[in-house]
Amino acid sequence: MSTGTAERADPADRGRLQISRSVLRKIAEHTADQHPGCARTRRRIGGLGLGDHGASAQISGPDDALRVRLDVALRYPAPVREAVAALRTRIGEELARLTDCQVRTVDVTVSALVAADAPPRVE
């Protein structure tokens, strides 16, 4: 007889969790957008403003060796090398923490440098 409290299989024997690449991409983009050195930029096509956008990521490879390609805009002046190194580390850690996937590489393209907001004028 089977009951609701019947012996359950070991979690490793029950199956496998498959996380969509779009979820992994959104985690990488959100993590980059939260970095204080990253900036949002205006998107324009043919002179028409289409709003702001943040980091853009592409994910490839198997779960135990992900490859992340990231396109970001950084605040200027900023130490670009340090910001990119911090992004690589943080994205790898966050993907591992949230999804248990391992990141092999994070390639970062800095597509724009955005001037830091000017301080308000006091008159």
PDB file of N, CA and C in Angstrom:
ATOM      1  N   MET A   1       0.812  -1.180   0.000  1.00  0.00           N
ATOM      2  CA  MET A   1       0.000   0.000   0.000  1.00  0.00           C
ATOM      3  C   MET A   1       0.862   1.252   0.000  1.00  0.00           C
ATOM      4  N   SER A   2       0.436   2.224  -0.720  1.00  0.00           N
ATOM      5  CA  SER A   2       1.175   3.470  -0.833  1.00  0.00           C
ATOM      6  C   SER A   2       0.507   4.532   0.024  1.00  0.00           C
ATOM      7  N   THR A   3       1.299   5.271   0.767  1.00  0.00           N
ATOM      8  CA  THR A   3       0.775   6.362   1.583  1.00  0.00           C
ATOM      9  C   THR A   3       1.468   7.653   1.206  1.00  0.00           C
ATOM     10  N   GLY A   4       0.932   8.763   1.673  1.00  0.00           N
ATOM     11  CA  GLY A   4       1.508  10.077   1.388  1.00  0.00           C
ATOM     12  C   GLY A   4       2.872  10.247   2.016  1.00  0.00           C
ATOM     13  N   THR A   5       3.163   9.469   3.046  1.00  0.00           N
ATOM     14  CA  THR A   5       4.457   9.569   3.707  1.00  0.00           C
ATOM     15  C   THR A   5       5.391   8.447   3.271  1.00  0.00           C
ATOM     16  N   ALA A   6       5.123   7.917   2.105  1.00  0.00           N
ATOM     17  CA  ALA A   6       5.938   6.817   1.590  1.00  0.00           C
ATOM     18  C   ALA A   6       7.382   7.276   1.437  1.00  0.00           C
ATOM     19  N   GLU A   7       8.234   6.318   1.449  1.00  0.00           N
ATOM     20  CA  GLU A   7       9.660   6.588   1.315  1.00  0.00           C
ATOM     21  C   GLU A   7       9.916   7.317  -0.003  1.00  0.00           C
ATOM     22  N   ARG A   8      10.676   8.419   0.064  1.00  0.00           N
ATOM     23  CA  ARG A   8      10.953   9.222  -1.131  1.00  0.00           C
ATOM     24  C   ARG A   8      12.340   8.904  -1.663  1.00  0.00           C
ATOM     25  N   ALA A   9      12.480   9.049  -2.953  1.00  0.00           N
ATOM     26  CA  ALA A   9      13.774   8.799  -3.595  1.00  0.00           C
ATOM     27  C   ALA A   9      14.754   9.908  -3.227  1.00  0.00           C
ATOM     28  N   ASP A  10      16.018   9.560  -3.267  1.00  0.00           N
ATOM     29  CA  ASP A  10      17.092  10.524  -3.045  1.00  0.00           C
ATOM     30  C   ASP A  10      16.944  11.639  -4.089  1.00  0.00           C
ATOM     31  N   PRO A  11      17.109  12.920  -3.698  1.00  0.00           N
ATOM     32  CA  PRO A  11      16.937  14.009  -4.662  1.00  0.00           C
ATOM     33  C   PRO A  11      17.777  13.838  -5.927  1.00  0.00           C
ATOM     34  N   ALA A  12      18.972  13.304  -5.813  1.00  0.00           N
ATOM     35  CA  ALA A  12      19.818  13.113  -6.993  1.00  0.00           C
ATOM     36  C   ALA A  12      19.229  12.091  -7.952  1.00  0.00           C
ATOM     37  N   ASP A  13      18.397  11.175  -7.432  1.00  0.00           N
ATOM     38  CA  ASP A  13      17.799  10.145  -8.276  1.00  0.00           C
ATOM     39  C   ASP A  13      16.458  10.560  -8.863  1.00  0.00           C
ATOM     40  N   ARG A  14      15.897  11.681  -8.412  1.00  0.00           N
ATOM     41  CA  ARG A  14      14.563  12.106  -8.862  1.00  0.00           C
ATOM     42  C   ARG A  14      14.564  12.733 -10.240  1.00  0.00           C
ATOM     43  N   GLY A  15      15.653  13.315 -10.637  1.00  0.00           N
ATOM     44  CA  GLY A  15      15.663  13.982 -11.928  1.00  0.00           C
ATOM     45  C   GLY A  15      16.676  15.098 -11.955  1.00  0.00           C
ATOM     46  N   ARG A  16      16.515  15.956 -12.929  1.00  0.00           N
ATOM     47  CA  ARG A  16      17.486  17.012 -13.152  1.00  0.00           C
ATOM     48  C   ARG A  16      16.755  18.315 -13.399  1.00  0.00           C
ATOM     49  N   LEU A  17      17.314  19.404 -12.907  1.00  0.00           N
ATOM     50  CA  LEU A  17      16.736  20.726 -13.116  1.00  0.00           C
ATOM     51  C   LEU A  17      17.432  21.370 -14.309  1.00  0.00           C
ATOM     52  N   GLN A  18      16.655  21.766 -15.287  1.00  0.00           N
ATOM     53  CA  GLN A  18      17.197  22.439 -16.470  1.00  0.00           C
ATOM     54  C   GLN A  18      16.780  23.906 -16.409  1.00  0.00           C
ATOM     55  N   ILE A  19      17.749  24.806 -16.347  1.00  0.00           N
ATOM     56  CA  ILE A  19      17.468  26.236 -16.278  1.00  0.00           C
ATOM     57  C   ILE A  19      17.662  26.835 -17.664  1.00  0.00           C
ATOM     58  N   SER A  20      16.641  27.516 -18.142  1.00  0.00           N
ATOM     59  CA  SER A  20      16.665  28.112 -19.476  1.00  0.00           C
ATOM     60  C   SER A  20      17.808  29.113 -19.605  1.00  0.00           C
ATOM     61  N   ARG A  21      18.397  29.165 -20.786  1.00  0.00           N
ATOM     62  CA  ARG A  21      19.472  30.123 -21.053  1.00  0.00           C
ATOM     63  C   ARG A  21      18.975  31.563 -20.914  1.00  0.00           C
ATOM     64  N   SER A  22      17.689  31.785 -21.193  1.00  0.00           N
ATOM     65  CA  SER A  22      17.167  33.150 -21.041  1.00  0.00           C
ATOM     66  C   SER A  22      17.171  33.568 -19.576  1.00  0.00           C
ATOM     67  N   VAL A  23      16.954  32.625 -18.663  1.00  0.00           N
ATOM     68  CA  VAL A  23      17.019  32.935 -17.228  1.00  0.00           C
ATOM     69  C   VAL A  23      18.457  33.251 -16.838  1.00  0.00           C
ATOM     70  N   LEU A  24      19.400  32.455 -17.315  1.00  0.00           N
ATOM     71  CA  LEU A  24      20.809  32.714 -17.027  1.00  0.00           C
ATOM     72  C   LEU A  24      21.233  34.079 -17.576  1.00  0.00           C
ATOM     73  N   ARG A  25      20.761  34.405 -18.774  1.00  0.00           N
ATOM     74  CA  ARG A  25      21.072  35.707 -19.387  1.00  0.00           C
ATOM     75  C   ARG A  25      20.548  36.845 -18.538  1.00  0.00           C
ATOM     76  N   LYS A  26      19.308  36.711 -18.063  1.00  0.00           N
ATOM     77  CA  LYS A  26      18.712  37.778 -17.252  1.00  0.00           C
ATOM     78  C   LYS A  26      19.432  37.938 -15.918  1.00  0.00           C
ATOM     79  N   ILE A  27      19.893  36.847 -15.341  1.00  0.00           N
ATOM     80  CA  ILE A  27      20.663  36.940 -14.095  1.00  0.00           C
ATOM     81  C   ILE A  27      21.958  37.706 -14.343  1.00  0.00           C
ATOM     82  N   ALA A  28      22.649  37.383 -15.425  1.00  0.00           N
ATOM     83  CA  ALA A  28      23.897  38.077 -15.752  1.00  0.00           C
ATOM     84  C   ALA A  28      23.645  39.567 -16.006  1.00  0.00           C
ATOM     85  N   GLU A  29      22.602  39.882 -16.756  1.00  0.00           N
ATOM     86  CA  GLU A  29      22.287  41.286 -17.049  1.00  0.00           C
ATOM     87  C   GLU A  29      21.909  42.048 -15.784  1.00  0.00           C
ATOM     88  N   HIS A  30      21.087  41.451 -14.950  1.00  0.00           N
ATOM     89  CA  HIS A  30      20.665  42.112 -13.711  1.00  0.00           C
ATOM     90  C   HIS A  30      21.869  42.339 -12.789  1.00  0.00           C
ATOM     91  N   THR A  31      22.731  41.347 -12.693  1.00  0.00           N
ATOM     92  CA  THR A  31      23.919  41.479 -11.856  1.00  0.00           C
ATOM     93  C   THR A  31      24.801  42.615 -12.352  1.00  0.00           C
ATOM     94  N   ALA A  32      25.001  42.712 -13.655  1.00  0.00           N
ATOM     95  CA  ALA A  32      25.803  43.799 -14.220  1.00  0.00           C
ATOM     96  C   ALA A  32      25.131  45.150 -13.982  1.00  0.00           C
ATOM     97  N   ASP A  33      23.822  45.217 -14.176  1.00  0.00           N
ATOM     98  CA  ASP A  33      23.109  46.487 -13.980  1.00  0.00           C
ATOM     99  C   ASP A  33      23.179  46.978 -12.537  1.00  0.00           C
ATOM    100  N   GLN A  34      23.365  46.070 -11.579  1.00  0.00           N
ATOM    101  CA  GLN A  34      23.453  46.453 -10.167  1.00  0.00           C
ATOM    102  C   GLN A  34      24.846  46.954  -9.788  1.00  0.00           C
ATOM    103  N   HIS A  35      25.824  46.744 -10.635  1.00  0.00           N
ATOM    104  CA  HIS A  35      27.194  47.184 -10.347  1.00  0.00           C
ATOM    105  C   HIS A  35      27.241  48.709 -10.396  1.00  0.00           C
ATOM    106  N   PRO A  36      27.834  49.351  -9.391  1.00  0.00           N
ATOM    107  CA  PRO A  36      27.836  50.816  -9.348  1.00  0.00           C
ATOM    108  C   PRO A  36      28.589  51.486 -10.499  1.00  0.00           C
ATOM    109  N   GLY A  37      29.496  50.776 -11.153  1.00  0.00           N
ATOM    110  CA  GLY A  37      30.233  51.366 -12.259  1.00  0.00           C
ATOM    111  C   GLY A  37      29.506  51.310 -13.582  1.00  0.00           C
ATOM    112  N   CYS A  38      28.426  50.532 -13.665  1.00  0.00           N
ATOM    113  CA  CYS A  38      27.676  50.399 -14.923  1.00  0.00           C
ATOM    114  C   CYS A  38      26.622  51.492 -15.044  1.00  0.00           C
ATOM    115  N   ALA A  39      26.319  51.843 -16.272  1.00  0.00           N
ATOM    116  CA  ALA A  39      25.336  52.895 -16.534  1.00  0.00           C
ATOM    117  C   ALA A  39      24.330  52.423 -17.576  1.00  0.00           C
ATOM    118  N   ARG A  40      23.166  53.006 -17.539  1.00  0.00           N
ATOM    119  CA  ARG A  40      22.152  52.760 -18.570  1.00  0.00           C
ATOM    120  C   ARG A  40      22.364  53.809 -19.654  1.00  0.00           C
ATOM    121  N   THR A  41      22.099  53.435 -20.893  1.00  0.00           N
ATOM    122  CA  THR A  41      22.250  54.374 -22.006  1.00  0.00           C
ATOM    123  C   THR A  41      20.946  54.470 -22.777  1.00  0.00           C
ATOM    124  N   ARG A  42      20.797  55.550 -23.494  1.00  0.00           N
ATOM    125  CA  ARG A  42      19.606  55.735 -24.325  1.00  0.00           C
ATOM    126  C   ARG A  42      19.750  54.927 -25.600  1.00  0.00           C
ATOM    127  N   ARG A  43      18.671  54.274 -25.978  1.00  0.00           N
ATOM    128  CA  ARG A  43      18.654  53.492 -27.217  1.00  0.00           C
ATOM    129  C   ARG A  43      17.978  54.341 -28.282  1.00  0.00           C
ATOM    130  N   ARG A  44      18.660  54.518 -29.412  1.00  0.00           N
ATOM    131  CA  ARG A  44      18.121  55.308 -30.517  1.00  0.00           C
ATOM    132  C   ARG A  44      18.310  54.544 -31.813  1.00  0.00           C
ATOM    133  N   ILE A  45      17.273  54.534 -32.607  1.00  0.00           N
ATOM    134  CA  ILE A  45      17.354  53.934 -33.944  1.00  0.00           C
ATOM    135  C   ILE A  45      16.722  54.924 -34.911  1.00  0.00           C
ATOM    136  N   GLY A  46      17.489  55.321 -35.898  1.00  0.00           N
ATOM    137  CA  GLY A  46      16.976  56.260 -36.899  1.00  0.00           C
ATOM    138  C   GLY A  46      16.523  57.577 -36.291  1.00  0.00           C
ATOM    139  N   GLY A  47      17.192  58.021 -35.235  1.00  0.00           N
ATOM    140  CA  GLY A  47      16.843  59.285 -34.601  1.00  0.00           C
ATOM    141  C   GLY A  47      15.683  59.209 -33.632  1.00  0.00           C
ATOM    142  N   LEU A  48      15.076  58.044 -33.493  1.00  0.00           N
ATOM    143  CA  LEU A  48      13.954  57.886 -32.578  1.00  0.00           C
ATOM    144  C   LEU A  48      14.446  57.322 -31.247  1.00  0.00           C
ATOM    145  N   GLY A  49      14.039  57.954 -30.166  1.00  0.00           N
ATOM    146  CA  GLY A  49      14.402  57.453 -28.850  1.00  0.00           C
ATOM    147  C   GLY A  49      13.544  56.258 -28.474  1.00  0.00           C
ATOM    148  N   LEU A  50      14.198  55.176 -28.056  1.00  0.00           N
ATOM    149  CA  LEU A  50      13.469  53.963 -27.696  1.00  0.00           C
ATOM    150  C   LEU A  50      13.633  53.628 -26.215  1.00  0.00           C
ATOM    151  N   GLY A  51      14.014  54.603 -25.408  1.00  0.00           N
ATOM    152  CA  GLY A  51      14.154  54.372 -23.973  1.00  0.00           C
ATOM    153  C   GLY A  51      15.566  53.986 -23.584  1.00  0.00           C
ATOM    154  N   ASP A  52      15.709  53.631 -22.330  1.00  0.00           N
ATOM    155  CA  ASP A  52      17.006  53.261 -21.779  1.00  0.00           C
ATOM    156  C   ASP A  52      17.219  51.756 -21.853  1.00  0.00           C
ATOM    157  N   HIS A  53      18.477  51.369 -21.867  1.00  0.00           N
ATOM    158  CA  HIS A  53      18.792  49.948 -21.747  1.00  0.00           C
ATOM    159  C   HIS A  53      20.077  49.796 -20.942  1.00  0.00           C
ATOM    160  N   GLY A  54      20.183  48.679 -20.285  1.00  0.00           N
ATOM    161  CA  GLY A  54      21.354  48.387 -19.475  1.00  0.00           C
ATOM    162  C   GLY A  54      22.236  47.365 -20.162  1.00  0.00           C
ATOM    163  N   ALA A  55      22.826  46.502 -19.362  1.00  0.00           N
ATOM    164  CA  ALA A  55      23.733  45.482 -19.875  1.00  0.00           C
ATOM    165  C   ALA A  55      22.992  44.496 -20.774  1.00  0.00           C
ATOM    166  N   SER A  56      23.732  43.928 -21.710  1.00  0.00           N
ATOM    167  CA  SER A  56      23.193  42.918 -22.607  1.00  0.00           C
ATOM    168  C   SER A  56      24.125  41.708 -22.545  1.00  0.00           C
ATOM    169  N   ALA A  57      23.554  40.504 -22.375  1.00  0.00           N
ATOM    170  CA  ALA A  57      24.375  39.303 -22.235  1.00  0.00           C
ATOM    171  C   ALA A  57      23.945  38.219 -23.204  1.00  0.00           C
ATOM    172  N   GLN A  58      24.885  37.363 -23.542  1.00  0.00           N
ATOM    173  CA  GLN A  58      24.641  36.140 -24.305  1.00  0.00           C
ATOM    174  C   GLN A  58      25.294  35.006 -23.526  1.00  0.00           C
ATOM    175  N   ILE A  59      24.594  33.882 -23.435  1.00  0.00           N
ATOM    176  CA  ILE A  59      25.079  32.727 -22.679  1.00  0.00           C
ATOM    177  C   ILE A  59      25.215  31.538 -23.630  1.00  0.00           C
ATOM    178  N   SER A  60      26.318  30.820 -23.523  1.00  0.00           N
ATOM    179  CA  SER A  60      26.494  29.600 -24.313  1.00  0.00           C
ATOM    180  C   SER A  60      27.287  28.582 -23.494  1.00  0.00           C
ATOM    181  N   GLY A  61      27.328  27.370 -23.988  1.00  0.00           N
ATOM    182  CA  GLY A  61      28.086  26.315 -23.335  1.00  0.00           C
ATOM    183  C   GLY A  61      27.252  25.486 -22.381  1.00  0.00           C
ATOM    184  N   PRO A  62      27.823  24.387 -21.904  1.00  0.00           N
ATOM    185  CA  PRO A  62      27.120  23.515 -20.957  1.00  0.00           C
ATOM    186  C   PRO A  62      27.083  24.132 -19.557  1.00  0.00           C
ATOM    187  N   ASP A  63      26.204  23.616 -18.711  1.00  0.00           N
ATOM    188  CA  ASP A  63      26.025  24.171 -17.365  1.00  0.00           C
ATOM    189  C   ASP A  63      27.286  24.146 -16.518  1.00  0.00           C
ATOM    190  N   ASP A  64      28.205  23.237 -16.793  1.00  0.00           N
ATOM    191  CA  ASP A  64      29.420  23.170 -15.983  1.00  0.00           C
ATOM    192  C   ASP A  64      30.577  23.966 -16.600  1.00  0.00           C
ATOM    193  N   ALA A  65      30.322  24.695 -17.694  1.00  0.00           N
ATOM    194  CA  ALA A  65      31.359  25.508 -18.341  1.00  0.00           C
ATOM    195  C   ALA A  65      30.716  26.611 -19.179  1.00  0.00           C
ATOM    196  N   LEU A  66      29.909  27.457 -18.534  1.00  0.00           N
ATOM    197  CA  LEU A  66      29.207  28.520 -19.258  1.00  0.00           C
ATOM    198  C   LEU A  66      30.174  29.559 -19.792  1.00  0.00           C
ATOM    199  N   ARG A  67      29.818  30.105 -20.934  1.00  0.00           N
ATOM    200  CA  ARG A  67      30.531  31.238 -21.507  1.00  0.00           C
ATOM    201  C   ARG A  67      29.546  32.403 -21.567  1.00  0.00           C
ATOM    202  N   VAL A  68      29.928  33.512 -20.969  1.00  0.00           N
ATOM    203  CA  VAL A  68      29.073  34.698 -20.919  1.00  0.00           C
ATOM    204  C   VAL A  68      29.743  35.794 -21.737  1.00  0.00           C
ATOM    205  N   ARG A  69      28.974  36.387 -22.642  1.00  0.00           N
ATOM    206  CA  ARG A  69      29.427  37.567 -23.385  1.00  0.00           C
ATOM    207  C   ARG A  69      28.556  38.720 -22.928  1.00  0.00           C
ATOM    208  N   LEU A  70      29.191  39.746 -22.398  1.00  0.00           N
ATOM    209  CA  LEU A  70      28.487  40.857 -21.771  1.00  0.00           C
ATOM    210  C   LEU A  70      28.864  42.163 -22.449  1.00  0.00           C
ATOM    211  N   ASP A  71      27.863  42.974 -22.739  1.00  0.00           N
ATOM    212  CA  ASP A  71      28.068  44.300 -23.320  1.00  0.00           C
ATOM    213  C   ASP A  71      27.527  45.313 -22.321  1.00  0.00           C
ATOM    214  N   VAL A  72      28.382  46.246 -21.876  1.00  0.00           N
ATOM    215  CA  VAL A  72      27.980  47.215 -20.856  1.00  0.00           C
ATOM    216  C   VAL A  72      28.455  48.611 -21.211  1.00  0.00           C
ATOM    217  N   ALA A  73      27.809  49.589 -20.596  1.00  0.00           N
ATOM    218  CA  ALA A  73      28.275  50.973 -20.604  1.00  0.00           C
ATOM    219  C   ALA A  73      28.770  51.260 -19.190  1.00  0.00           C
ATOM    220  N   LEU A  74      29.914  51.931 -19.083  1.00  0.00           N
ATOM    221  CA  LEU A  74      30.474  52.259 -17.774  1.00  0.00           C
ATOM    222  C   LEU A  74      30.425  53.756 -17.530  1.00  0.00           C
ATOM    223  N   ARG A  75      30.344  54.104 -16.266  1.00  0.00           N
ATOM    224  CA  ARG A  75      30.378  55.519 -15.880  1.00  0.00           C
ATOM    225  C   ARG A  75      31.792  56.047 -16.069  1.00  0.00           C
ATOM    226  N   TYR A  76      31.871  57.310 -16.521  1.00  0.00           N
ATOM    227  CA  TYR A  76      33.160  57.948 -16.736  1.00  0.00           C
ATOM    228  C   TYR A  76      33.293  59.119 -15.791  1.00  0.00           C
ATOM    229  N   PRO A  77      34.403  59.388 -15.191  1.00  0.00           N
ATOM    230  CA  PRO A  77      35.624  58.582 -15.263  1.00  0.00           C
ATOM    231  C   PRO A  77      35.520  57.390 -14.322  1.00  0.00           C
ATOM    232  N   ALA A  78      35.985  56.279 -14.768  1.00  0.00           N
ATOM    233  CA  ALA A  78      35.962  55.056 -13.962  1.00  0.00           C
ATOM    234  C   ALA A  78      37.188  54.235 -14.314  1.00  0.00           C
ATOM    235  N   PRO A  79      37.711  53.512 -13.355  1.00  0.00           N
ATOM    236  CA  PRO A  79      38.815  52.600 -13.667  1.00  0.00           C
ATOM    237  C   PRO A  79      38.264  51.385 -14.424  1.00  0.00           C
ATOM    238  N   VAL A  80      38.345  51.413 -15.729  1.00  0.00           N
ATOM    239  CA  VAL A  80      37.706  50.412 -16.577  1.00  0.00           C
ATOM    240  C   VAL A  80      38.197  49.007 -16.241  1.00  0.00           C
ATOM    241  N   ARG A  81      39.493  48.837 -16.115  1.00  0.00           N
ATOM    242  CA  ARG A  81      40.058  47.518 -15.861  1.00  0.00           C
ATOM    243  C   ARG A  81      39.506  46.922 -14.564  1.00  0.00           C
ATOM    244  N   GLU A  82      39.432  47.734 -13.508  1.00  0.00           N
ATOM    245  CA  GLU A  82      38.918  47.253 -12.223  1.00  0.00           C
ATOM    246  C   GLU A  82      37.423  46.951 -12.295  1.00  0.00           C
ATOM    247  N   ALA A  83      36.683  47.792 -13.011  1.00  0.00           N
ATOM    248  CA  ALA A  83      35.236  47.564 -13.146  1.00  0.00           C
ATOM    249  C   ALA A  83      34.957  46.266 -13.899  1.00  0.00           C
ATOM    250  N   VAL A  84      35.697  46.017 -14.959  1.00  0.00           N
ATOM    251  CA  VAL A  84      35.507  44.799 -15.749  1.00  0.00           C
ATOM    252  C   VAL A  84      35.876  43.567 -14.923  1.00  0.00           C
ATOM    253  N   ALA A  85      36.980  43.641 -14.176  1.00  0.00           N
ATOM    254  CA  ALA A  85      37.382  42.513 -13.326  1.00  0.00           C
ATOM    255  C   ALA A  85      36.322  42.222 -12.270  1.00  0.00           C
ATOM    256  N   ALA A  86      35.768  43.275 -11.673  1.00  0.00           N
ATOM    257  CA  ALA A  86      34.719  43.098 -10.663  1.00  0.00           C
ATOM    258  C   ALA A  86      33.467  42.489 -11.283  1.00  0.00           C
ATOM    259  N   LEU A  87      33.102  42.915 -12.493  1.00  0.00           N
ATOM    260  CA  LEU A  87      31.942  42.346 -13.180  1.00  0.00           C
ATOM    261  C   LEU A  87      32.139  40.862 -13.464  1.00  0.00           C
ATOM    262  N   ARG A  88      33.305  40.497 -13.940  1.00  0.00           N
ATOM    263  CA  ARG A  88      33.584  39.080 -14.222  1.00  0.00           C
ATOM    264  C   ARG A  88      33.401  38.225 -12.971  1.00  0.00           C
ATOM    265  N   THR A  89      34.003  38.679 -11.890  1.00  0.00           N
ATOM    266  CA  THR A  89      33.917  37.928 -10.636  1.00  0.00           C
ATOM    267  C   THR A  89      32.489  37.840 -10.140  1.00  0.00           C
ATOM    268  N   ARG A  90      31.798  38.962 -10.088  1.00  0.00           N
ATOM    269  CA  ARG A  90      30.443  39.011  -9.527  1.00  0.00           C
ATOM    270  C   ARG A  90      29.467  38.174 -10.349  1.00  0.00           C
ATOM    271  N   ILE A  91      29.554  38.229 -11.659  1.00  0.00           N
ATOM    272  CA  ILE A  91      28.632  37.456 -12.505  1.00  0.00           C
ATOM    273  C   ILE A  91      28.878  35.965 -12.337  1.00  0.00           C
ATOM    274  N   GLY A  92      30.133  35.559 -12.301  1.00  0.00           N
ATOM    275  CA  GLY A  92      30.446  34.146 -12.074  1.00  0.00           C
ATOM    276  C   GLY A  92      29.923  33.665 -10.730  1.00  0.00           C
ATOM    277  N   GLU A  93      30.125  34.463  -9.686  1.00  0.00           N
ATOM    278  CA  GLU A  93      29.656  34.084  -8.349  1.00  0.00           C
ATOM    279  C   GLU A  93      28.133  34.018  -8.287  1.00  0.00           C
ATOM    280  N   GLU A  94      27.478  34.982  -8.893  1.00  0.00           N
ATOM    281  CA  GLU A  94      26.015  35.042  -8.818  1.00  0.00           C
ATOM    282  C   GLU A  94      25.362  33.897  -9.592  1.00  0.00           C
ATOM    283  N   LEU A  95      25.871  33.580 -10.765  1.00  0.00           N
ATOM    284  CA  LEU A  95      25.325  32.451 -11.524  1.00  0.00           C
ATOM    285  C   LEU A  95      25.550  31.137 -10.770  1.00  0.00           C
ATOM    286  N   ALA A  96      26.706  30.985 -10.158  1.00  0.00           N
ATOM    287  CA  ALA A  96      26.977  29.767  -9.384  1.00  0.00           C
ATOM    288  C   ALA A  96      26.069  29.697  -8.164  1.00  0.00           C
ATOM    289  N   ARG A  97      25.879  30.808  -7.488  1.00  0.00           N
ATOM    290  CA  ARG A  97      25.059  30.837  -6.271  1.00  0.00           C
ATOM    291  C   ARG A  97      23.594  30.547  -6.561  1.00  0.00           C
ATOM    292  N   LEU A  98      23.058  31.163  -7.600  1.00  0.00           N
ATOM    293  CA  LEU A  98      21.633  31.042  -7.878  1.00  0.00           C
ATOM    294  C   LEU A  98      21.256  29.791  -8.675  1.00  0.00           C
ATOM    295  N   THR A  99      22.153  29.325  -9.523  1.00  0.00           N
ATOM    296  CA  THR A  99      21.777  28.244 -10.436  1.00  0.00           C
ATOM    297  C   THR A  99      22.645  27.001 -10.328  1.00  0.00           C
ATOM    298  N   ASP A 100      23.725  27.074  -9.590  1.00  0.00           N
ATOM    299  CA  ASP A 100      24.679  25.970  -9.457  1.00  0.00           C
ATOM    300  C   ASP A 100      25.385  25.672 -10.779  1.00  0.00           C
ATOM    301  N   CYS A 101      25.374  26.625 -11.708  1.00  0.00           N
ATOM    302  CA  CYS A 101      26.114  26.496 -12.957  1.00  0.00           C
ATOM    303  C   CYS A 101      27.506  27.095 -12.750  1.00  0.00           C
ATOM    304  N   GLN A 102      28.482  26.562 -13.442  1.00  0.00           N
ATOM    305  CA  GLN A 102      29.843  27.058 -13.326  1.00  0.00           C
ATOM    306  C   GLN A 102      30.198  27.865 -14.573  1.00  0.00           C
ATOM    307  N   VAL A 103      30.782  29.038 -14.361  1.00  0.00           N
ATOM    308  CA  VAL A 103      31.136  29.928 -15.460  1.00  0.00           C
ATOM    309  C   VAL A 103      32.604  29.730 -15.810  1.00  0.00           C
ATOM    310  N   ARG A 104      32.859  29.456 -17.079  1.00  0.00           N
ATOM    311  CA  ARG A 104      34.239  29.296 -17.546  1.00  0.00           C
ATOM    312  C   ARG A 104      34.836  30.656 -17.888  1.00  0.00           C
ATOM    313  N   THR A 105      34.093  31.455 -18.673  1.00  0.00           N
ATOM    314  CA  THR A 105      34.614  32.769 -19.076  1.00  0.00           C
ATOM    315  C   THR A 105      33.498  33.804 -19.063  1.00  0.00           C
ATOM    316  N   VAL A 106      33.893  35.039 -18.792  1.00  0.00           N
ATOM    317  CA  VAL A 106      33.007  36.191 -18.940  1.00  0.00           C
ATOM    318  C   VAL A 106      33.773  37.200 -19.783  1.00  0.00           C
ATOM    319  N   ASP A 107      33.367  37.344 -21.035  1.00  0.00           N
ATOM    320  CA  ASP A 107      33.978  38.321 -21.930  1.00  0.00           C
ATOM    321  C   ASP A 107      33.155  39.599 -21.866  1.00  0.00           C
ATOM    322  N   VAL A 108      33.814  40.704 -21.541  1.00  0.00           N
ATOM    323  CA  VAL A 108      33.117  41.976 -21.360  1.00  0.00           C
ATOM    324  C   VAL A 108      33.533  42.941 -22.452  1.00  0.00           C
ATOM    325  N   THR A 109      32.537  43.509 -23.132  1.00  0.00           N
ATOM    326  CA  THR A 109      32.753  44.578 -24.097  1.00  0.00           C
ATOM    327  C   THR A 109      32.197  45.859 -23.492  1.00  0.00           C
ATOM    328  N   VAL A 110      33.033  46.877 -23.397  1.00  0.00           N
ATOM    329  CA  VAL A 110      32.576  48.178 -22.919  1.00  0.00           C
ATOM    330  C   VAL A 110      32.193  48.975 -24.163  1.00  0.00           C
ATOM    331  N   SER A 111      30.885  49.132 -24.369  1.00  0.00           N
ATOM    332  CA  SER A 111      30.391  49.763 -25.592  1.00  0.00           C
ATOM    333  C   SER A 111      30.241  51.273 -25.473  1.00  0.00           C
ATOM    334  N   ALA A 112      30.281  51.795 -24.234  1.00  0.00           N
ATOM    335  CA  ALA A 112      30.144  53.241 -24.061  1.00  0.00           C
ATOM    336  C   ALA A 112      30.692  53.649 -22.710  1.00  0.00           C
ATOM    337  N   LEU A 113      31.150  54.884 -22.646  1.00  0.00           N
ATOM    338  CA  LEU A 113      31.507  55.513 -21.387  1.00  0.00           C
ATOM    339  C   LEU A 113      30.539  56.675 -21.209  1.00  0.00           C
ATOM    340  N   VAL A 114      29.823  56.667 -20.103  1.00  0.00           N
ATOM    341  CA  VAL A 114      28.787  57.664 -19.847  1.00  0.00           C
ATOM    342  C   VAL A 114      29.280  58.594 -18.746  1.00  0.00           C
ATOM    343  N   ALA A 115      29.232  59.882 -19.013  1.00  0.00           N
ATOM    344  CA  ALA A 115      29.691  60.854 -18.019  1.00  0.00           C
ATOM    345  C   ALA A 115      28.863  60.738 -16.747  1.00  0.00           C
ATOM    346  N   ALA A 116      29.554  60.800 -15.630  1.00  0.00           N
ATOM    347  CA  ALA A 116      28.858  60.782 -14.342  1.00  0.00           C
ATOM    348  C   ALA A 116      27.977  62.022 -14.254  1.00  0.00           C
ATOM    349  N   ASP A 117      26.880  61.907 -13.540  1.00  0.00           N
ATOM    350  CA  ASP A 117      25.972  63.037 -13.404  1.00  0.00           C
ATOM    351  C   ASP A 117      26.690  64.211 -12.760  1.00  0.00           C
ATOM    352  N   ALA A 118      26.466  65.381 -13.331  1.00  0.00           N
ATOM    353  CA  ALA A 118      27.075  66.578 -12.777  1.00  0.00           C
ATOM    354  C   ALA A 118      26.402  66.930 -11.455  1.00  0.00           C
ATOM    355  N   PRO A 119      27.183  67.371 -10.474  1.00  0.00           N
ATOM    356  CA  PRO A 119      26.565  67.740  -9.197  1.00  0.00           C
ATOM    357  C   PRO A 119      25.642  68.945  -9.389  1.00  0.00           C
ATOM    358  N   PRO A 120      24.598  69.045  -8.589  1.00  0.00           N
ATOM    359  CA  PRO A 120      23.681  70.177  -8.734  1.00  0.00           C
ATOM    360  C   PRO A 120      24.399  71.496  -8.400  1.00  0.00           C
ATOM    361  N   ARG A 121      24.022  72.536  -9.132  1.00  0.00           N
ATOM    362  CA  ARG A 121      24.612  73.851  -8.907  1.00  0.00           C
ATOM    363  C   ARG A 121      23.928  74.533  -7.739  1.00  0.00           C
ATOM    364  N   VAL A 122      24.738  75.172  -6.943  1.00  0.00           N
ATOM    365  CA  VAL A 122      24.207  75.939  -5.804  1.00  0.00           C
ATOM    366  C   VAL A 122      24.347  77.406  -6.169  1.00  0.00           C
ATOM    367  N   GLU A 123      23.236  78.133  -6.101  1.00  0.00           N
ATOM    368  CA  GLU A 123      23.277  79.550  -6.445  1.00  0.00           C
ATOM    369  C   GLU A 123      22.892  80.389  -5.273  1.00  0.00           C
TER     370      GLU A 123
END
